[in-house]
Amino acid sequence: EWKAVRIAASNPGPKSQETAARTWRKPMTGRVKCNIDASFPPSSDIVGFGICTRDEHGAFILAKTEWFTPKSEVHIGEALGLLSAL
């Protein structure tokens, strides 16, 4: 999904919606899914991330947000979000 957004953002001209909607995919039975995303506010020296965990039915289990400094590269911020989730 990230790669598709980066490609769309780099292409000038009118933007259009994809024909196939992106949807959350549930994990296998007996497992949970943890979605993580990091944010890098441009006017600050922090990295924030959010975590959302759901079961195979899509039912909410747990969410968490955290901030840390100093600002890092994207792959480091995402990895720290994963570490926090674990």
C-alpha atoms as a PDB file:
ATOM      1  CA  GLU A   1       0.000   0.000   0.000  1.00  0.00           C
ATOM      2  CA  TRP A   2       2.823   2.392   0.875  1.00  0.00           C
ATOM      3  CA  LYS A   3       4.501   1.734  -2.452  1.00  0.00           C
ATOM      4  CA  ALA A   4       1.259   2.427  -4.350  1.00  0.00           C
ATOM      5  CA  VAL A   5       0.822   5.749  -2.537  1.00  0.00           C
ATOM      6  CA  ARG A   6       4.415   6.777  -3.266  1.00  0.00           C
ATOM      7  CA  ILE A   7       3.955   5.982  -6.973  1.00  0.00           C
ATOM      8  CA  ALA A   8       0.660   7.914  -7.115  1.00  0.00           C
ATOM      9  CA  ALA A   9       2.204  10.876  -5.280  1.00  0.00           C
ATOM     10  CA  SER A  10       5.115  11.056  -7.719  1.00  0.00           C
ATOM     11  CA  ASN A  11       2.905  11.082 -10.828  1.00  0.00           C
ATOM     12  CA  PRO A  12       1.766  14.586 -11.825  1.00  0.00           C
ATOM     13  CA  GLY A  13      -1.695  15.177 -13.193  1.00  0.00           C
ATOM     14  CA  PRO A  14      -5.219  14.367 -12.071  1.00  0.00           C
ATOM     15  CA  LYS A  15      -5.600  11.750  -9.364  1.00  0.00           C
ATOM     16  CA  SER A  16      -8.199   9.010  -9.535  1.00  0.00           C
ATOM     17  CA  GLN A  17      -9.380   6.369  -7.094  1.00  0.00           C
ATOM     18  CA  GLU A  18      -8.265   2.801  -7.622  1.00  0.00           C
ATOM     19  CA  THR A  19     -11.022   0.592  -8.956  1.00  0.00           C
ATOM     20  CA  ALA A  20     -10.464  -2.012  -6.242  1.00  0.00           C
ATOM     21  CA  ALA A  21     -10.937  -0.689  -2.714  1.00  0.00           C
ATOM     22  CA  ARG A  22      -8.244  -1.584  -0.210  1.00  0.00           C
ATOM     23  CA  THR A  23      -9.711  -3.300   2.804  1.00  0.00           C
ATOM     24  CA  TRP A  24      -8.425  -4.697   6.047  1.00  0.00           C
ATOM     25  CA  ARG A  25      -7.725  -8.421   5.764  1.00  0.00           C
ATOM     26  CA  LYS A  26      -8.417 -10.566   8.778  1.00  0.00           C
ATOM     27  CA  PRO A  27      -5.781 -12.913  10.199  1.00  0.00           C
ATOM     28  CA  MET A  28      -6.116 -16.675  10.262  1.00  0.00           C
ATOM     29  CA  THR A  29      -8.382 -18.196  12.904  1.00  0.00           C
ATOM     30  CA  GLY A  30      -6.805 -18.136  16.350  1.00  0.00           C
ATOM     31  CA  ARG A  31      -4.412 -15.295  15.487  1.00  0.00           C
ATOM     32  CA  VAL A  32      -4.468 -11.540  15.899  1.00  0.00           C
ATOM     33  CA  LYS A  33      -3.386  -8.770  13.549  1.00  0.00           C
ATOM     34  CA  CYS A  34      -1.445  -5.733  14.680  1.00  0.00           C
ATOM     35  CA  ASN A  35      -1.374  -2.695  12.384  1.00  0.00           C
ATOM     36  CA  ILE A  36       1.354  -0.132  13.043  1.00  0.00           C
ATOM     37  CA  ASP A  37       1.944   3.287  11.516  1.00  0.00           C
ATOM     38  CA  ALA A  38       4.523   5.954  12.288  1.00  0.00           C
ATOM     39  CA  SER A  39       4.197   9.720  11.840  1.00  0.00           C
ATOM     40  CA  PHE A  40       6.914  12.309  11.370  1.00  0.00           C
ATOM     41  CA  PRO A  41       5.524  15.824  11.978  1.00  0.00           C
ATOM     42  CA  PRO A  42       7.573  18.245   9.859  1.00  0.00           C
ATOM     43  CA  SER A  43       7.818  21.053  12.411  1.00  0.00           C
ATOM     44  CA  SER A  44       9.008  18.992  15.384  1.00  0.00           C
ATOM     45  CA  ASP A  45      11.789  16.667  16.476  1.00  0.00           C
ATOM     46  CA  ILE A  46       9.526  13.737  17.372  1.00  0.00           C
ATOM     47  CA  VAL A  47       8.298  10.498  15.882  1.00  0.00           C
ATOM     48  CA  GLY A  48       4.884   9.182  16.789  1.00  0.00           C
ATOM     49  CA  PHE A  49       3.333   5.836  16.140  1.00  0.00           C
ATOM     50  CA  GLY A  50       0.025   4.130  16.618  1.00  0.00           C
ATOM     51  CA  ILE A  51      -0.763   0.470  17.094  1.00  0.00           C
ATOM     52  CA  CYS A  52      -4.122  -1.272  16.680  1.00  0.00           C
ATOM     53  CA  THR A  53      -4.650  -4.979  17.374  1.00  0.00           C
ATOM     54  CA  ARG A  54      -7.739  -6.910  16.249  1.00  0.00           C
ATOM     55  CA  ASP A  55      -8.808 -10.556  16.230  1.00  0.00           C
ATOM     56  CA  GLU A  56      -9.884 -12.753  13.314  1.00  0.00           C
ATOM     57  CA  HIS A  57     -13.388 -11.239  13.452  1.00  0.00           C
ATOM     58  CA  GLY A  58     -12.056  -7.685  13.258  1.00  0.00           C
ATOM     59  CA  ALA A  59     -12.973  -7.058  16.903  1.00  0.00           C
ATOM     60  CA  PHE A  60     -10.828  -4.478  18.684  1.00  0.00           C
ATOM     61  CA  ILE A  61      -8.371  -5.875  21.254  1.00  0.00           C
ATOM     62  CA  LEU A  62      -5.858  -3.144  22.045  1.00  0.00           C
ATOM     63  CA  ALA A  63      -4.575   0.218  20.798  1.00  0.00           C
ATOM     64  CA  LYS A  64      -1.570   2.277  21.793  1.00  0.00           C
ATOM     65  CA  THR A  65       0.128   5.528  20.814  1.00  0.00           C
ATOM     66  CA  GLU A  66       3.614   6.719  21.688  1.00  0.00           C
ATOM     67  CA  TRP A  67       5.984   9.567  20.872  1.00  0.00           C
ATOM     68  CA  PHE A  68       9.754   9.551  21.029  1.00  0.00           C
ATOM     69  CA  THR A  69      12.677  11.798  20.196  1.00  0.00           C
ATOM     70  CA  PRO A  70      14.750  12.521  18.275  1.00  0.00           C
ATOM     71  CA  LYS A  71      13.148  12.274  14.851  1.00  0.00           C
ATOM     72  CA  SER A  72      14.521   9.304  12.925  1.00  0.00           C
ATOM     73  CA  GLU A  73      14.441   7.896   9.439  1.00  0.00           C
ATOM     74  CA  VAL A  74      11.166   6.268   8.419  1.00  0.00           C
ATOM     75  CA  HIS A  75      12.402   2.674   8.618  1.00  0.00           C
ATOM     76  CA  ILE A  76      13.726   3.283  12.146  1.00  0.00           C
ATOM     77  CA  GLY A  77      10.459   4.877  13.311  1.00  0.00           C
ATOM     78  CA  GLU A  78       8.418   2.002  11.886  1.00  0.00           C
ATOM     79  CA  ALA A  79      10.758  -0.550  13.493  1.00  0.00           C
ATOM     80  CA  LEU A  80      10.471   1.164  16.893  1.00  0.00           C
ATOM     81  CA  GLY A  81       6.666   1.019  16.540  1.00  0.00           C
ATOM     82  CA  LEU A  82       6.918  -2.702  15.886  1.00  0.00           C
ATOM     83  CA  LEU A  83       9.233  -3.164  18.854  1.00  0.00           C
ATOM     84  CA  SER A  84       6.759  -1.343  21.097  1.00  0.00           C
ATOM     85  CA  ALA A  85       3.928  -3.522  19.816  1.00  0.00           C
ATOM     86  CA  LEU A  86       5.855  -6.688  20.594  1.00  0.00           C
END
